[in-house]
Amino acid sequence: MGDLLVVYLTFLLAGALIGLVPFLVGRFMGKPVLGQLGLLCCALSGLFHISLPVLLALVFLGWIFLSKHDLVIRKSPAAQSGGSYQTTYAPTPQPQAGSLRLTCLTGPLRGRSYPIGPKGLMFGRDNDCAVCFPGETPGISRHHCAIRWQGNTPVLVDLNSTYGTFLSGGRQLPPNNPAALAVGTRFYLANTGVMFQIELG
């Protein structure tokens, strides 16, 4: 009996470790409830078969990336006296142009802050860039990257820079492939010595 319990606990732990992937991605993408649900489902499915957590992790990753909203657990009016909970979709708050700012955390522009207006922001060494670096700044292209708006969503776009544009986790953005930004998102140009963060204006 003891050996069987050890086996079940091992499978449960293995499922939970696999479930950390949707959990962390959900937090990063601003959908923490979906991430937590993915972690729970992966952990429990490990008790049935070791391949189930992998399949469920892929399902939840697709759900997180494709869904525009996170799940929100709300207590229904009838539940105030001990009834059941209901799960509903709630829109993720959308920033508006002018409500966000960009702050430079490291590098030659450290401490400077830039409002993200309707036209967005261009980064680079050229004088037409709103976030203009000194000409001798290593790793920064003339037109390095830009923040633009897609509807109410600010996105970061690498403009085919020589040394790349990266999200804080180290993922490099492919050129001309927009990545959605949210309050608190950090990214850097060329290396972590030129780091920026999105903040409320």
C-alpha atoms as a PDB file:
ATOM      1  CA  MET A   1       0.000   0.000   0.000  1.00  0.00           C
ATOM      2  CA  GLY A   2       2.848   2.338   0.868  1.00  0.00           C
ATOM      3  CA  ASP A   3       4.570   1.714  -2.480  1.00  0.00           C
ATOM      4  CA  LEU A   4       1.342   2.475  -4.355  1.00  0.00           C
ATOM      5  CA  LEU A   5       0.969   5.758  -2.467  1.00  0.00           C
ATOM      6  CA  VAL A   6       4.525   6.737  -3.405  1.00  0.00           C
ATOM      7  CA  VAL A   7       3.770   6.002  -7.071  1.00  0.00           C
ATOM      8  CA  TYR A   8       0.611   8.140  -6.999  1.00  0.00           C
ATOM      9  CA  LEU A   9       2.419  11.007  -5.282  1.00  0.00           C
ATOM     10  CA  THR A  10       5.212  10.803  -7.854  1.00  0.00           C
ATOM     11  CA  PHE A  11       2.730  11.002 -10.738  1.00  0.00           C
ATOM     12  CA  LEU A  12       0.925  13.866  -9.004  1.00  0.00           C
ATOM     13  CA  LEU A  13       4.196  15.770  -8.631  1.00  0.00           C
ATOM     14  CA  ALA A  14       5.183  15.081 -12.249  1.00  0.00           C
ATOM     15  CA  GLY A  15       1.799  16.429 -13.439  1.00  0.00           C
ATOM     16  CA  ALA A  16       2.203  19.511 -11.255  1.00  0.00           C
ATOM     17  CA  LEU A  17       5.660  20.202 -12.690  1.00  0.00           C
ATOM     18  CA  ILE A  18       4.282  19.992 -16.227  1.00  0.00           C
ATOM     19  CA  GLY A  19       1.377  22.219 -15.139  1.00  0.00           C
ATOM     20  CA  LEU A  20       3.829  24.939 -14.180  1.00  0.00           C
ATOM     21  CA  VAL A  21       4.183  25.722 -17.891  1.00  0.00           C
ATOM     22  CA  PRO A  22       0.573  26.933 -18.452  1.00  0.00           C
ATOM     23  CA  PHE A  23       0.628  28.453 -14.943  1.00  0.00           C
ATOM     24  CA  LEU A  24       3.637  30.667 -15.686  1.00  0.00           C
ATOM     25  CA  VAL A  25       2.508  31.481 -19.238  1.00  0.00           C
ATOM     26  CA  GLY A  26      -0.950  32.413 -17.910  1.00  0.00           C
ATOM     27  CA  ARG A  27       0.591  34.853 -15.425  1.00  0.00           C
ATOM     28  CA  PHE A  28       2.820  36.348 -18.125  1.00  0.00           C
ATOM     29  CA  MET A  29      -0.088  36.752 -20.583  1.00  0.00           C
ATOM     30  CA  GLY A  30      -2.371  38.362 -17.978  1.00  0.00           C
ATOM     31  CA  LYS A  31      -4.632  35.280 -17.634  1.00  0.00           C
ATOM     32  CA  PRO A  32      -3.663  33.880 -14.221  1.00  0.00           C
ATOM     33  CA  VAL A  33      -6.919  32.004 -13.568  1.00  0.00           C
ATOM     34  CA  LEU A  34      -6.541  29.968 -16.755  1.00  0.00           C
ATOM     35  CA  GLY A  35      -2.949  29.271 -15.750  1.00  0.00           C
ATOM     36  CA  GLN A  36      -3.987  28.104 -12.272  1.00  0.00           C
ATOM     37  CA  LEU A  37      -6.705  25.894 -13.735  1.00  0.00           C
ATOM     38  CA  GLY A  38      -4.136  24.398 -16.128  1.00  0.00           C
ATOM     39  CA  LEU A  39      -1.784  23.631 -13.229  1.00  0.00           C
ATOM     40  CA  LEU A  40      -4.561  21.928 -11.235  1.00  0.00           C
ATOM     41  CA  CYS A  41      -5.800  19.845 -14.183  1.00  0.00           C
ATOM     42  CA  CYS A  42      -2.282  18.757 -15.141  1.00  0.00           C
ATOM     43  CA  ALA A  43      -1.477  17.736 -11.568  1.00  0.00           C
ATOM     44  CA  LEU A  44      -4.653  15.670 -11.148  1.00  0.00           C
ATOM     45  CA  SER A  45      -4.393  14.065 -14.584  1.00  0.00           C
ATOM     46  CA  GLY A  46      -0.953  12.745 -13.656  1.00  0.00           C
ATOM     47  CA  LEU A  47      -2.737  10.262 -11.371  1.00  0.00           C
ATOM     48  CA  PHE A  48      -4.344   8.557 -14.372  1.00  0.00           C
ATOM     49  CA  HIS A  49      -1.609   8.509 -17.014  1.00  0.00           C
ATOM     50  CA  ILE A  50       1.763  10.219 -17.308  1.00  0.00           C
ATOM     51  CA  SER A  51       1.035  11.466 -20.846  1.00  0.00           C
ATOM     52  CA  LEU A  52      -2.213  13.248 -19.887  1.00  0.00           C
ATOM     53  CA  PRO A  53      -0.530  16.261 -18.203  1.00  0.00           C
ATOM     54  CA  VAL A  54       1.479  16.960 -21.357  1.00  0.00           C
ATOM     55  CA  LEU A  55      -1.666  16.890 -23.497  1.00  0.00           C
ATOM     56  CA  LEU A  56      -3.583  19.086 -21.063  1.00  0.00           C
ATOM     57  CA  ALA A  57      -0.683  21.544 -20.815  1.00  0.00           C
ATOM     58  CA  LEU A  58      -0.780  21.944 -24.617  1.00  0.00           C
ATOM     59  CA  VAL A  59      -4.570  22.435 -24.520  1.00  0.00           C
ATOM     60  CA  PHE A  60      -4.325  25.128 -21.849  1.00  0.00           C
ATOM     61  CA  LEU A  61      -1.434  26.872 -23.629  1.00  0.00           C
ATOM     62  CA  GLY A  62      -3.587  27.087 -26.761  1.00  0.00           C
ATOM     63  CA  TRP A  63      -6.505  28.361 -24.674  1.00  0.00           C
ATOM     64  CA  ILE A  64      -4.335  31.015 -23.012  1.00  0.00           C
ATOM     65  CA  PHE A  65      -2.842  32.258 -26.285  1.00  0.00           C
ATOM     66  CA  LEU A  66      -6.099  32.250 -28.268  1.00  0.00           C
ATOM     67  CA  SER A  67      -8.509  33.548 -25.619  1.00  0.00           C
ATOM     68  CA  LYS A  68      -9.025  37.295 -25.369  1.00  0.00           C
ATOM     69  CA  HIS A  69     -10.259  37.044 -21.777  1.00  0.00           C
ATOM     70  CA  ASP A  70      -9.311  35.330 -18.563  1.00  0.00           C
ATOM     71  CA  LEU A  71     -11.691  33.217 -16.489  1.00  0.00           C
ATOM     72  CA  VAL A  72     -13.099  34.897 -13.392  1.00  0.00           C
ATOM     73  CA  ILE A  73     -14.734  33.025 -10.535  1.00  0.00           C
ATOM     74  CA  ARG A  74     -17.752  34.985  -9.378  1.00  0.00           C
ATOM     75  CA  LYS A  75     -20.182  34.200  -6.585  1.00  0.00           C
ATOM     76  CA  SER A  76     -23.748  34.344  -7.827  1.00  0.00           C
ATOM     77  CA  PRO A  77     -26.347  36.359  -5.876  1.00  0.00           C
ATOM     78  CA  ALA A  78     -28.062  33.130  -4.834  1.00  0.00           C
ATOM     79  CA  ALA A  79     -24.777  31.891  -3.415  1.00  0.00           C
ATOM     80  CA  GLN A  80     -24.458  34.605  -0.786  1.00  0.00           C
ATOM     81  CA  SER A  81     -26.062  32.254   1.735  1.00  0.00           C
ATOM     82  CA  GLY A  82     -23.855  29.295   0.865  1.00  0.00           C
ATOM     83  CA  GLY A  83     -24.787  28.520  -2.737  1.00  0.00           C
ATOM     84  CA  SER A  84     -22.521  27.549  -5.603  1.00  0.00           C
ATOM     85  CA  TYR A  85     -19.994  29.575  -7.568  1.00  0.00           C
ATOM     86  CA  GLN A  86     -20.196  30.240 -11.271  1.00  0.00           C
ATOM     87  CA  THR A  87     -17.353  30.713 -13.721  1.00  0.00           C
ATOM     88  CA  THR A  88     -17.711  33.509 -16.256  1.00  0.00           C
ATOM     89  CA  TYR A  89     -15.570  35.319 -18.749  1.00  0.00           C
ATOM     90  CA  ALA A  90     -14.584  38.871 -17.868  1.00  0.00           C
ATOM     91  CA  PRO A  91     -12.790  41.156 -20.270  1.00  0.00           C
ATOM     92  CA  THR A  92      -9.190  41.929 -19.439  1.00  0.00           C
ATOM     93  CA  PRO A  93      -8.904  45.700 -18.854  1.00  0.00           C
ATOM     94  CA  GLN A  94      -7.678  47.348 -22.025  1.00  0.00           C
ATOM     95  CA  PRO A  95      -5.265  50.278 -21.859  1.00  0.00           C
ATOM     96  CA  GLN A  96      -5.973  53.374 -23.892  1.00  0.00           C
ATOM     97  CA  ALA A  97      -3.542  55.519 -25.854  1.00  0.00           C
ATOM     98  CA  GLY A  98      -2.201  58.152 -23.491  1.00  0.00           C
ATOM     99  CA  SER A  99      -2.885  56.084 -20.355  1.00  0.00           C
ATOM    100  CA  LEU A 100       0.463  54.280 -20.504  1.00  0.00           C
ATOM    101  CA  ARG A 101       4.048  55.390 -20.082  1.00  0.00           C
ATOM    102  CA  LEU A 102       7.371  53.818 -20.916  1.00  0.00           C
ATOM    103  CA  THR A 103      10.145  54.040 -18.328  1.00  0.00           C
ATOM    104  CA  CYS A 104      13.782  53.269 -19.027  1.00  0.00           C
ATOM    105  CA  LEU A 105      15.236  51.149 -16.209  1.00  0.00           C
ATOM    106  CA  THR A 106      18.828  50.708 -17.408  1.00  0.00           C
ATOM    107  CA  GLY A 107      21.148  52.129 -20.049  1.00  0.00           C
ATOM    108  CA  PRO A 108      21.968  55.622 -21.314  1.00  0.00           C
ATOM    109  CA  LEU A 109      18.315  56.743 -21.016  1.00  0.00           C
ATOM    110  CA  ARG A 110      17.850  55.392 -17.492  1.00  0.00           C
ATOM    111  CA  GLY A 111      15.227  57.292 -15.493  1.00  0.00           C
ATOM    112  CA  ARG A 112      13.553  58.858 -18.523  1.00  0.00           C
ATOM    113  CA  SER A 113       9.845  58.355 -19.063  1.00  0.00           C
ATOM    114  CA  TYR A 114       7.854  58.621 -22.310  1.00  0.00           C
ATOM    115  CA  PRO A 115       4.060  58.806 -22.722  1.00  0.00           C
ATOM    116  CA  ILE A 116       2.744  56.249 -25.196  1.00  0.00           C
ATOM    117  CA  GLY A 117       0.426  58.347 -27.343  1.00  0.00           C
ATOM    118  CA  PRO A 118      -1.822  57.313 -30.246  1.00  0.00           C
ATOM    119  CA  LYS A 119       1.148  57.322 -32.643  1.00  0.00           C
ATOM    120  CA  GLY A 120       3.185  55.008 -30.412  1.00  0.00           C
ATOM    121  CA  LEU A 121       6.950  55.293 -29.982  1.00  0.00           C
ATOM    122  CA  MET A 122       9.947  54.652 -32.235  1.00  0.00           C
ATOM    123  CA  PHE A 123      13.268  53.522 -30.711  1.00  0.00           C
ATOM    124  CA  GLY A 124      16.667  54.023 -32.294  1.00  0.00           C
ATOM    125  CA  ARG A 125      19.661  56.271 -32.926  1.00  0.00           C
ATOM    126  CA  ASP A 126      18.078  58.419 -35.647  1.00  0.00           C
ATOM    127  CA  ASN A 127      16.794  61.861 -34.711  1.00  0.00           C
ATOM    128  CA  ASP A 128      13.248  61.012 -35.846  1.00  0.00           C
ATOM    129  CA  CYS A 129      12.943  58.436 -33.027  1.00  0.00           C
ATOM    130  CA  ALA A 130      10.887  59.454 -29.987  1.00  0.00           C
ATOM    131  CA  VAL A 131      13.161  57.289 -27.822  1.00  0.00           C
ATOM    132  CA  CYS A 132      16.444  58.518 -29.259  1.00  0.00           C
ATOM    133  CA  PHE A 133      19.733  56.951 -28.137  1.00  0.00           C
ATOM    134  CA  PRO A 134      23.147  58.619 -28.329  1.00  0.00           C
ATOM    135  CA  GLY A 135      24.876  57.830 -31.613  1.00  0.00           C
ATOM    136  CA  GLU A 136      27.599  55.754 -29.964  1.00  0.00           C
ATOM    137  CA  THR A 137      25.211  53.438 -28.055  1.00  0.00           C
ATOM    138  CA  PRO A 138      26.334  49.873 -28.867  1.00  0.00           C
ATOM    139  CA  GLY A 139      23.764  47.382 -30.152  1.00  0.00           C
ATOM    140  CA  ILE A 140      21.097  49.969 -31.037  1.00  0.00           C
ATOM    141  CA  SER A 141      20.068  50.279 -34.677  1.00  0.00           C
ATOM    142  CA  ARG A 142      19.055  53.538 -36.361  1.00  0.00           C
ATOM    143  CA  HIS A 143      15.442  52.335 -36.277  1.00  0.00           C
ATOM    144  CA  HIS A 144      15.538  49.505 -33.753  1.00  0.00           C
ATOM    145  CA  CYS A 145      11.940  48.810 -32.692  1.00  0.00           C
ATOM    146  CA  ALA A 146       8.598  50.520 -32.130  1.00  0.00           C
ATOM    147  CA  ILE A 147       5.550  50.449 -29.877  1.00  0.00           C
ATOM    148  CA  ARG A 148       2.366  50.667 -31.926  1.00  0.00           C
ATOM    149  CA  TRP A 149      -1.337  50.289 -31.267  1.00  0.00           C
ATOM    150  CA  GLN A 150      -3.492  47.484 -32.627  1.00  0.00           C
ATOM    151  CA  GLY A 151      -6.958  48.590 -31.574  1.00  0.00           C
ATOM    152  CA  ASN A 152      -6.667  49.132 -27.808  1.00  0.00           C
ATOM    153  CA  THR A 153      -3.658  46.837 -27.502  1.00  0.00           C
ATOM    154  CA  PRO A 154      -0.109  48.228 -27.460  1.00  0.00           C
ATOM    155  CA  VAL A 155       2.326  45.973 -29.296  1.00  0.00           C
ATOM    156  CA  LEU A 156       6.110  45.874 -29.557  1.00  0.00           C
ATOM    157  CA  VAL A 157       7.590  45.379 -33.023  1.00  0.00           C
ATOM    158  CA  ASP A 158      11.234  44.749 -33.873  1.00  0.00           C
ATOM    159  CA  LEU A 159      12.197  46.693 -37.022  1.00  0.00           C
ATOM    160  CA  ASN A 160      14.752  44.186 -38.285  1.00  0.00           C
ATOM    161  CA  SER A 161      17.361  45.451 -35.833  1.00  0.00           C
ATOM    162  CA  THR A 162      20.879  44.065 -35.918  1.00  0.00           C
ATOM    163  CA  TYR A 163      21.066  42.889 -32.298  1.00  0.00           C
ATOM    164  CA  GLY A 164      17.404  42.183 -31.639  1.00  0.00           C
ATOM    165  CA  THR A 165      14.553  43.131 -29.311  1.00  0.00           C
ATOM    166  CA  PHE A 166      13.746  40.833 -26.377  1.00  0.00           C
ATOM    167  CA  LEU A 167      11.018  40.368 -23.792  1.00  0.00           C
ATOM    168  CA  SER A 168      12.320  40.231 -20.223  1.00  0.00           C
ATOM    169  CA  GLY A 169      12.210  36.428 -20.165  1.00  0.00           C
ATOM    170  CA  GLY A 170      14.777  36.329 -22.965  1.00  0.00           C
ATOM    171  CA  ARG A 171      12.423  35.619 -25.902  1.00  0.00           C
ATOM    172  CA  GLN A 172      13.645  37.418 -28.999  1.00  0.00           C
ATOM    173  CA  LEU A 173      10.968  39.007 -31.177  1.00  0.00           C
ATOM    174  CA  PRO A 174      11.064  38.020 -34.840  1.00  0.00           C
ATOM    175  CA  PRO A 175      11.310  41.117 -37.074  1.00  0.00           C
ATOM    176  CA  ASN A 176       7.961  42.765 -37.857  1.00  0.00           C
ATOM    177  CA  ASN A 177       6.092  40.287 -35.638  1.00  0.00           C
ATOM    178  CA  PRO A 178       4.081  42.267 -33.026  1.00  0.00           C
ATOM    179  CA  ALA A 179       4.063  41.138 -29.384  1.00  0.00           C
ATOM    180  CA  ALA A 180       1.284  42.394 -27.092  1.00  0.00           C
ATOM    181  CA  LEU A 181       2.317  44.545 -24.135  1.00  0.00           C
ATOM    182  CA  ALA A 182       0.642  44.985 -20.755  1.00  0.00           C
ATOM    183  CA  VAL A 183       1.242  47.093 -17.669  1.00  0.00           C
ATOM    184  CA  GLY A 184       4.384  45.764 -16.014  1.00  0.00           C
ATOM    185  CA  THR A 185       5.828  44.193 -19.163  1.00  0.00           C
ATOM    186  CA  ARG A 186       9.582  44.593 -19.434  1.00  0.00           C
ATOM    187  CA  PHE A 187      11.658  44.331 -22.584  1.00  0.00           C
ATOM    188  CA  TYR A 188      15.189  45.152 -23.630  1.00  0.00           C
ATOM    189  CA  LEU A 189      17.104  46.166 -26.739  1.00  0.00           C
ATOM    190  CA  ALA A 190      20.179  44.120 -27.692  1.00  0.00           C
ATOM    191  CA  ASN A 191      21.012  43.222 -24.065  1.00  0.00           C
ATOM    192  CA  THR A 192      19.654  43.613 -20.538  1.00  0.00           C
ATOM    193  CA  GLY A 193      21.692  46.786 -20.139  1.00  0.00           C
ATOM    194  CA  VAL A 194      18.957  48.645 -22.064  1.00  0.00           C
ATOM    195  CA  MET A 195      15.750  47.691 -20.246  1.00  0.00           C
ATOM    196  CA  PHE A 196      12.304  49.327 -20.417  1.00  0.00           C
ATOM    197  CA  GLN A 197       9.035  48.806 -18.554  1.00  0.00           C
ATOM    198  CA  ILE A 198       5.412  49.633 -19.413  1.00  0.00           C
ATOM    199  CA  GLU A 199       3.633  51.562 -16.651  1.00  0.00           C
ATOM    200  CA  LEU A 200       0.357  53.366 -16.091  1.00  0.00           C
ATOM    201  CA  GLY A 201       0.579  56.987 -17.143  1.00  0.00           C
END
